[in-house]
Amino acid sequence: SGRIRRLVGLVEAAPDRRWTAGSLARELNVSESLLFRLCRSQCGRSPGELIAEIRFRYASELLLRTGEKLDGIAERTGYSSAFAFSKAFRKFAGVSPKEFRRREKTDRAAL
């Protein structure tokens, strides 16, 4: 839907912002409960899960395309520290950011 596209656009434009369901609902001019229903019905996720997914896609790109340190990537994706970012990234990807970067670069070099 248009609202979900707007939500994705907002988070992609400012992945470092401390987005919450409330702040997104206000930006989209909908209630939090409607935002939750839209996200669940159209994406199968909560607003928080959708925000995290968008941030992790961006973080993954930064890990692969830059040599930026984890604290810089953490800051650019809305985390308070490299530790908080690493912990969340591991939960999402199943590996640490450092391991993700190493594996992906090794896999790409093999192609």
N, C-alpha and C. Protein backbone atom coordinates (compact mmCIF):
# COMPACT_ATOMS: atom_id res chain seq x y z
N SER A 1 0.84 -1.19 0.00
CA SER A 1 0.00 0.00 0.00
C SER A 1 0.87 1.25 0.00
N GLY A 2 0.26 2.36 -0.25
CA GLY A 2 0.98 3.63 -0.26
C GLY A 2 1.57 3.98 1.10
N ARG A 3 0.85 3.65 2.16
CA ARG A 3 1.35 3.97 3.50
C ARG A 3 2.59 3.15 3.84
N ILE A 4 2.60 1.90 3.45
CA ILE A 4 3.77 1.06 3.72
C ILE A 4 4.95 1.56 2.90
N ARG A 5 4.72 1.93 1.65
CA ARG A 5 5.81 2.50 0.85
C ARG A 5 6.35 3.78 1.49
N ARG A 6 5.45 4.61 2.00
CA ARG A 6 5.88 5.84 2.68
C ARG A 6 6.68 5.51 3.93
N LEU A 7 6.22 4.51 4.70
CA LEU A 7 6.95 4.08 5.90
C LEU A 7 8.36 3.66 5.53
N VAL A 8 8.48 2.81 4.53
CA VAL A 8 9.80 2.34 4.08
C VAL A 8 10.65 3.53 3.64
N GLY A 9 10.07 4.43 2.89
CA GLY A 9 10.79 5.61 2.43
C GLY A 9 11.28 6.48 3.58
N LEU A 10 10.44 6.66 4.59
CA LEU A 10 10.83 7.47 5.75
C LEU A 10 12.03 6.85 6.47
N VAL A 11 11.96 5.55 6.71
CA VAL A 11 13.04 4.88 7.44
C VAL A 11 14.31 4.83 6.58
N GLU A 12 14.17 4.57 5.29
CA GLU A 12 15.35 4.55 4.42
C GLU A 12 16.01 5.92 4.33
N ALA A 13 15.21 6.98 4.37
CA ALA A 13 15.75 8.33 4.28
C ALA A 13 16.47 8.76 5.56
N ALA A 14 16.10 8.17 6.69
CA ALA A 14 16.71 8.54 7.98
C ALA A 14 16.87 7.30 8.86
N PRO A 15 17.73 6.34 8.44
CA PRO A 15 17.86 5.11 9.22
C PRO A 15 18.47 5.34 10.61
N ASP A 16 19.10 6.50 10.80
CA ASP A 16 19.71 6.80 12.09
C ASP A 16 18.71 7.35 13.11
N ARG A 17 17.53 7.73 12.65
CA ARG A 17 16.52 8.27 13.55
C ARG A 17 15.98 7.17 14.45
N ARG A 18 15.68 7.51 15.68
CA ARG A 18 15.13 6.53 16.64
C ARG A 18 13.64 6.34 16.38
N TRP A 19 13.33 5.66 15.28
CA TRP A 19 11.94 5.44 14.89
C TRP A 19 11.23 4.56 15.90
N THR A 20 9.99 4.89 16.17
CA THR A 20 9.11 4.05 16.97
C THR A 20 7.80 3.92 16.20
N ALA A 21 6.96 3.00 16.64
CA ALA A 21 5.65 2.88 16.00
C ALA A 21 4.89 4.19 16.14
N GLY A 22 5.02 4.84 17.29
CA GLY A 22 4.33 6.11 17.51
C GLY A 22 4.81 7.21 16.58
N SER A 23 6.14 7.33 16.43
CA SER A 23 6.66 8.39 15.56
C SER A 23 6.30 8.13 14.10
N LEU A 24 6.34 6.87 13.69
CA LEU A 24 5.94 6.55 12.31
C LEU A 24 4.45 6.79 12.09
N ALA A 25 3.65 6.41 13.05
CA ALA A 25 2.21 6.63 12.93
C ALA A 25 1.91 8.13 12.78
N ARG A 26 2.59 8.96 13.58
CA ARG A 26 2.39 10.41 13.46
C ARG A 26 2.81 10.91 12.07
N GLU A 27 3.96 10.44 11.58
CA GLU A 27 4.43 10.86 10.25
C GLU A 27 3.46 10.44 9.15
N LEU A 28 2.85 9.29 9.33
CA LEU A 28 1.92 8.75 8.32
C LEU A 28 0.48 9.21 8.55
N ASN A 29 0.27 9.93 9.67
CA ASN A 29 -1.04 10.45 10.02
C ASN A 29 -2.08 9.33 10.20
N VAL A 30 -1.66 8.27 10.91
CA VAL A 30 -2.56 7.16 11.25
C VAL A 30 -2.37 6.84 12.73
N SER A 31 -3.29 6.08 13.28
CA SER A 31 -3.14 5.65 14.67
C SER A 31 -2.11 4.52 14.74
N GLU A 32 -1.54 4.33 15.91
CA GLU A 32 -0.59 3.22 16.08
C GLU A 32 -1.26 1.89 15.80
N SER A 33 -2.50 1.73 16.25
CA SER A 33 -3.17 0.44 16.03
C SER A 33 -3.39 0.18 14.54
N LEU A 34 -3.73 1.22 13.77
CA LEU A 34 -3.86 1.03 12.32
C LEU A 34 -2.51 0.70 11.71
N LEU A 35 -1.46 1.37 12.16
CA LEU A 35 -0.12 1.08 11.64
C LEU A 35 0.25 -0.39 11.89
N PHE A 36 -0.02 -0.89 13.10
CA PHE A 36 0.26 -2.30 13.40
C PHE A 36 -0.54 -3.21 12.49
N ARG A 37 -1.82 -2.91 12.29
CA ARG A 37 -2.65 -3.75 11.42
C ARG A 37 -2.13 -3.74 9.99
N LEU A 38 -1.77 -2.56 9.48
CA LEU A 38 -1.25 -2.46 8.11
C LEU A 38 0.04 -3.26 7.96
N CYS A 39 0.94 -3.09 8.90
CA CYS A 39 2.22 -3.81 8.81
C CYS A 39 2.02 -5.31 8.89
N ARG A 40 1.16 -5.75 9.80
CA ARG A 40 0.91 -7.19 9.95
C ARG A 40 0.24 -7.76 8.70
N SER A 41 -0.77 -7.06 8.18
CA SER A 41 -1.52 -7.62 7.05
C SER A 41 -0.73 -7.54 5.75
N GLN A 42 0.07 -6.50 5.55
CA GLN A 42 0.75 -6.32 4.28
C GLN A 42 2.19 -6.81 4.27
N CYS A 43 2.80 -6.92 5.45
CA CYS A 43 4.22 -7.33 5.50
C CYS A 43 4.45 -8.53 6.41
N GLY A 44 3.44 -8.89 7.20
CA GLY A 44 3.60 -10.01 8.11
C GLY A 44 4.54 -9.71 9.28
N ARG A 45 4.76 -8.42 9.56
CA ARG A 45 5.67 -8.02 10.63
C ARG A 45 5.08 -6.84 11.38
N SER A 46 5.61 -6.62 12.57
CA SER A 46 5.25 -5.42 13.33
C SER A 46 6.02 -4.23 12.76
N PRO A 47 5.61 -3.02 13.08
CA PRO A 47 6.38 -1.86 12.62
C PRO A 47 7.85 -1.94 13.07
N GLY A 48 8.08 -2.35 14.30
CA GLY A 48 9.46 -2.47 14.81
C GLY A 48 10.28 -3.47 14.02
N GLU A 49 9.67 -4.59 13.67
CA GLU A 49 10.38 -5.59 12.88
C GLU A 49 10.70 -5.06 11.47
N LEU A 50 9.77 -4.30 10.92
CA LEU A 50 9.98 -3.72 9.59
C LEU A 50 11.11 -2.67 9.63
N ILE A 51 11.10 -1.84 10.67
CA ILE A 51 12.17 -0.85 10.85
C ILE A 51 13.52 -1.56 10.94
N ALA A 52 13.58 -2.60 11.77
CA ALA A 52 14.84 -3.34 11.94
C ALA A 52 15.31 -3.94 10.63
N GLU A 53 14.39 -4.50 9.86
CA GLU A 53 14.77 -5.11 8.58
C GLU A 53 15.35 -4.07 7.62
N ILE A 54 14.73 -2.91 7.55
CA ILE A 54 15.22 -1.84 6.67
C ILE A 54 16.61 -1.40 7.11
N ARG A 55 16.80 -1.23 8.42
CA ARG A 55 18.11 -0.83 8.95
C ARG A 55 19.17 -1.89 8.66
N PHE A 56 18.81 -3.15 8.81
CA PHE A 56 19.80 -4.21 8.59
C PHE A 56 20.17 -4.35 7.12
N ARG A 57 19.22 -4.12 6.23
CA ARG A 57 19.57 -4.11 4.81
C ARG A 57 20.59 -3.01 4.53
N TYR A 58 20.35 -1.83 5.10
CA TYR A 58 21.26 -0.71 4.93
C TYR A 58 22.62 -1.01 5.58
N ALA A 59 22.60 -1.55 6.79
CA ALA A 59 23.84 -1.89 7.49
C ALA A 59 24.62 -2.94 6.70
N SER A 60 23.94 -3.91 6.14
CA SER A 60 24.60 -4.94 5.34
C SER A 60 25.30 -4.33 4.14
N GLU A 61 24.63 -3.38 3.49
CA GLU A 61 25.26 -2.69 2.35
C GLU A 61 26.51 -1.94 2.80
N LEU A 62 26.42 -1.25 3.94
CA LEU A 62 27.57 -0.52 4.45
C LEU A 62 28.72 -1.46 4.79
N LEU A 63 28.39 -2.60 5.38
CA LEU A 63 29.43 -3.58 5.73
C LEU A 63 30.14 -4.09 4.49
N LEU A 64 29.40 -4.28 3.42
CA LEU A 64 29.97 -4.85 2.20
C LEU A 64 30.65 -3.83 1.31
N ARG A 65 30.11 -2.62 1.27
CA ARG A 65 30.60 -1.63 0.30
C ARG A 65 31.57 -0.61 0.87
N THR A 66 31.73 -0.61 2.20
CA THR A 66 32.65 0.35 2.80
C THR A 66 33.56 -0.38 3.77
N GLY A 67 34.61 0.29 4.16
CA GLY A 67 35.48 -0.24 5.21
C GLY A 67 35.18 0.45 6.53
N GLU A 68 33.99 1.08 6.59
CA GLU A 68 33.63 1.85 7.78
C GLU A 68 33.62 0.98 9.03
N LYS A 69 34.08 1.58 10.12
CA LYS A 69 34.12 0.87 11.41
C LYS A 69 32.71 0.69 11.94
N LEU A 70 32.57 -0.29 12.85
CA LEU A 70 31.24 -0.62 13.37
C LEU A 70 30.59 0.54 14.11
N ASP A 71 31.38 1.38 14.82
CA ASP A 71 30.72 2.48 15.53
C ASP A 71 30.09 3.45 14.54
N GLY A 72 30.72 3.66 13.39
CA GLY A 72 30.14 4.54 12.38
C GLY A 72 28.88 3.95 11.78
N ILE A 73 28.90 2.66 11.50
CA ILE A 73 27.72 2.00 10.95
C ILE A 73 26.60 1.99 11.99
N ALA A 74 26.96 1.75 13.25
CA ALA A 74 25.98 1.77 14.33
C ALA A 74 25.28 3.13 14.39
N GLU A 75 26.07 4.18 14.34
CA GLU A 75 25.52 5.53 14.41
C GLU A 75 24.62 5.81 13.20
N ARG A 76 25.03 5.39 12.03
CA ARG A 76 24.26 5.63 10.80
C ARG A 76 22.97 4.81 10.73
N THR A 77 22.87 3.77 11.55
CA THR A 77 21.67 2.92 11.54
C THR A 77 20.86 3.03 12.82
N GLY A 78 21.16 4.04 13.64
CA GLY A 78 20.31 4.33 14.79
C GLY A 78 20.64 3.60 16.07
N TYR A 79 21.81 3.03 16.17
CA TYR A 79 22.20 2.34 17.40
C TYR A 79 23.13 3.21 18.23
N SER A 80 23.04 3.05 19.54
CA SER A 80 23.80 3.90 20.46
C SER A 80 25.27 3.53 20.53
N SER A 81 25.61 2.31 20.14
CA SER A 81 27.01 1.87 20.22
C SER A 81 27.26 0.72 19.26
N ALA A 82 28.54 0.46 19.01
CA ALA A 82 28.91 -0.68 18.17
C ALA A 82 28.45 -1.98 18.84
N PHE A 83 28.51 -2.02 20.16
CA PHE A 83 28.09 -3.23 20.89
C PHE A 83 26.60 -3.50 20.66
N ALA A 84 25.76 -2.46 20.84
CA ALA A 84 24.32 -2.62 20.65
C ALA A 84 24.01 -3.03 19.21
N PHE A 85 24.70 -2.41 18.27
CA PHE A 85 24.51 -2.75 16.86
C PHE A 85 24.92 -4.20 16.60
N SER A 86 26.08 -4.59 17.08
CA SER A 86 26.58 -5.96 16.85
C SER A 86 25.63 -7.00 17.43
N LYS A 87 25.13 -6.74 18.62
CA LYS A 87 24.21 -7.66 19.27
C LYS A 87 22.92 -7.82 18.44
N ALA A 88 22.36 -6.69 17.99
CA ALA A 88 21.14 -6.72 17.18
C ALA A 88 21.41 -7.36 15.82
N PHE A 89 22.56 -7.05 15.22
CA PHE A 89 22.88 -7.62 13.90
C PHE A 89 23.02 -9.13 13.99
N ARG A 90 23.69 -9.61 15.04
CA ARG A 90 23.85 -11.06 15.23
C ARG A 90 22.49 -11.74 15.36
N LYS A 91 21.59 -11.11 16.10
CA LYS A 91 20.25 -11.67 16.27
C LYS A 91 19.53 -11.74 14.93
N PHE A 92 19.69 -10.73 14.10
CA PHE A 92 19.02 -10.66 12.81
C PHE A 92 19.66 -11.59 11.78
N ALA A 93 20.99 -11.55 11.68
CA ALA A 93 21.68 -12.26 10.60
C ALA A 93 22.26 -13.61 11.01
N GLY A 94 22.34 -13.86 12.32
CA GLY A 94 22.90 -15.13 12.77
C GLY A 94 24.42 -15.14 12.87
N VAL A 95 25.05 -14.04 12.47
CA VAL A 95 26.50 -13.89 12.58
C VAL A 95 26.81 -12.46 12.98
N SER A 96 28.01 -12.24 13.50
CA SER A 96 28.41 -10.88 13.87
C SER A 96 28.63 -10.06 12.60
N PRO A 97 28.60 -8.73 12.72
CA PRO A 97 28.87 -7.89 11.54
C PRO A 97 30.25 -8.18 10.94
N LYS A 98 31.22 -8.39 11.79
CA LYS A 98 32.58 -8.68 11.31
C LYS A 98 32.60 -9.98 10.50
N GLU A 99 31.95 -11.01 11.03
CA GLU A 99 31.88 -12.30 10.35
C GLU A 99 31.08 -12.18 9.04
N PHE A 100 29.98 -11.42 9.07
CA PHE A 100 29.18 -11.19 7.87
C PHE A 100 30.03 -10.56 6.78
N ARG A 101 30.77 -9.53 7.14
CA ARG A 101 31.63 -8.82 6.18
C ARG A 101 32.68 -9.78 5.62
N ARG A 102 33.31 -10.54 6.47
CA ARG A 102 34.36 -11.47 6.04
C ARG A 102 33.79 -12.54 5.11
N ARG A 103 32.68 -13.15 5.51
CA ARG A 103 32.07 -14.22 4.70
C ARG A 103 31.62 -13.72 3.34
N GLU A 104 30.93 -12.60 3.34
CA GLU A 104 30.39 -12.08 2.08
C GLU A 104 31.52 -11.69 1.12
N LYS A 105 32.56 -11.08 1.64
CA LYS A 105 33.68 -10.70 0.76
C LYS A 105 34.38 -11.94 0.22
N THR A 106 34.51 -12.97 1.05
CA THR A 106 35.11 -14.23 0.61
C THR A 106 34.25 -14.88 -0.47
N ASP A 107 32.92 -14.89 -0.24
CA ASP A 107 32.00 -15.48 -1.22
C ASP A 107 32.04 -14.73 -2.54
N ARG A 108 32.10 -13.41 -2.48
CA ARG A 108 32.12 -12.61 -3.72
C ARG A 108 33.43 -12.79 -4.47
N ALA A 109 34.51 -12.95 -3.72
CA ALA A 109 35.83 -13.14 -4.36
C ALA A 109 35.87 -14.48 -5.10
N ALA A 110 35.10 -15.45 -4.61
CA ALA A 110 35.09 -16.77 -5.22
C ALA A 110 34.32 -16.80 -6.54
N LEU A 111 33.49 -15.78 -6.77
CA LEU A 111 32.67 -15.76 -8.01
C LEU A 111 33.46 -15.41 -9.22
